[in-house]
Amino acid sequence: MIGFGSASSSAGADVAVNIITYLGAGCLLVVIIGFAIALYQEWQMVRRFDAEKQRQRFFDSLSNITPKSR
């Protein structure tokens, strides 16, 4: 019987292992890229919030100027 030897089944198992490995590596790559994008967006949001807070602090300090110091 051709194709039912141990070498044939071993080659099929190797192909299956390679497919599963590449699928797993692809999924891991997608997760890592998604995490990097989310981290970058979070960093931008925190940076924007800090800049707004600093601007607000500056305008609050301007409003606290007393008439004597003007």
Protein backbone atom coordinates (compact mmCIF):
# COMPACT_ATOMS: atom_id res chain seq x y z
CA MET A 1 0.00 0.00 0.00
CA ILE A 2 1.59 3.19 -1.19
CA GLY A 3 1.42 6.26 1.04
CA PHE A 4 0.64 4.45 4.29
CA GLY A 5 4.19 3.90 5.49
CA SER A 6 5.70 5.46 8.60
CA ALA A 7 7.63 8.01 6.51
CA SER A 8 4.43 9.29 4.94
CA SER A 9 2.63 9.73 8.27
CA SER A 10 5.69 11.40 9.76
CA ALA A 11 5.78 13.92 6.92
CA GLY A 12 2.08 14.64 7.38
CA ALA A 13 2.63 15.19 11.10
CA ASP A 14 5.51 17.55 10.35
CA VAL A 15 3.30 19.57 8.01
CA ALA A 16 0.56 19.74 10.65
CA VAL A 17 3.03 20.86 13.31
CA ASN A 18 4.40 23.53 10.98
CA ILE A 19 0.91 24.83 10.16
CA ILE A 20 -0.07 25.00 13.85
CA THR A 21 3.23 26.69 14.73
CA TYR A 22 2.84 29.33 12.02
CA LEU A 23 -0.79 29.97 13.01
CA GLY A 24 0.27 30.39 16.64
CA ALA A 25 3.12 32.69 15.68
CA GLY A 26 0.77 34.74 13.49
CA CYS A 27 -1.76 35.09 16.31
CA LEU A 28 0.98 36.11 18.72
CA LEU A 29 2.24 38.71 16.26
CA VAL A 30 -1.27 40.16 15.87
CA VAL A 31 -1.67 40.37 19.66
CA ILE A 32 1.72 42.07 20.09
CA ILE A 33 0.96 44.61 17.35
CA GLY A 34 -2.48 45.30 18.85
CA PHE A 35 -0.96 45.77 22.30
CA ALA A 36 1.64 48.19 20.90
CA ILE A 37 -1.06 50.24 19.15
CA ALA A 38 -3.19 50.37 22.32
CA LEU A 39 -0.18 51.37 24.40
CA TYR A 40 0.67 54.17 21.96
CA GLN A 41 -2.91 55.48 22.01
CA GLU A 42 -2.94 55.41 25.82
CA TRP A 43 0.36 57.29 25.89
CA GLN A 44 -1.08 59.95 23.57
CA MET A 45 -4.17 60.33 25.77
CA VAL A 46 -2.09 60.73 28.95
CA ARG A 47 0.16 63.24 27.20
CA ARG A 48 -2.84 65.25 26.03
CA PHE A 49 -4.33 65.17 29.53
CA ASP A 50 -1.05 66.36 31.10
CA ALA A 51 -0.79 69.23 28.61
CA GLU A 52 -4.38 70.28 29.31
CA LYS A 53 -3.78 70.13 33.05
CA GLN A 54 -0.65 72.27 32.69
CA ARG A 55 -2.54 74.82 30.57
CA GLN A 56 -5.34 74.92 33.14
CA ARG A 57 -2.83 75.44 35.94
CA PHE A 58 -1.29 78.35 34.02
CA PHE A 59 -4.65 80.05 33.48
CA ASP A 60 -5.60 79.46 37.11
CA SER A 61 -2.37 81.14 38.20
CA LEU A 62 -3.21 84.13 35.98
CA SER A 63 -6.63 84.46 37.59
CA ASN A 64 -5.10 84.43 41.08
CA ILE A 65 -3.13 87.63 40.50
CA THR A 66 -4.16 90.22 43.05
CA PRO A 67 -4.61 93.88 42.11
CA LYS A 68 -1.55 94.83 44.22
CA SER A 69 0.76 92.67 42.12
CA ARG A 70 -0.46 94.12 38.82
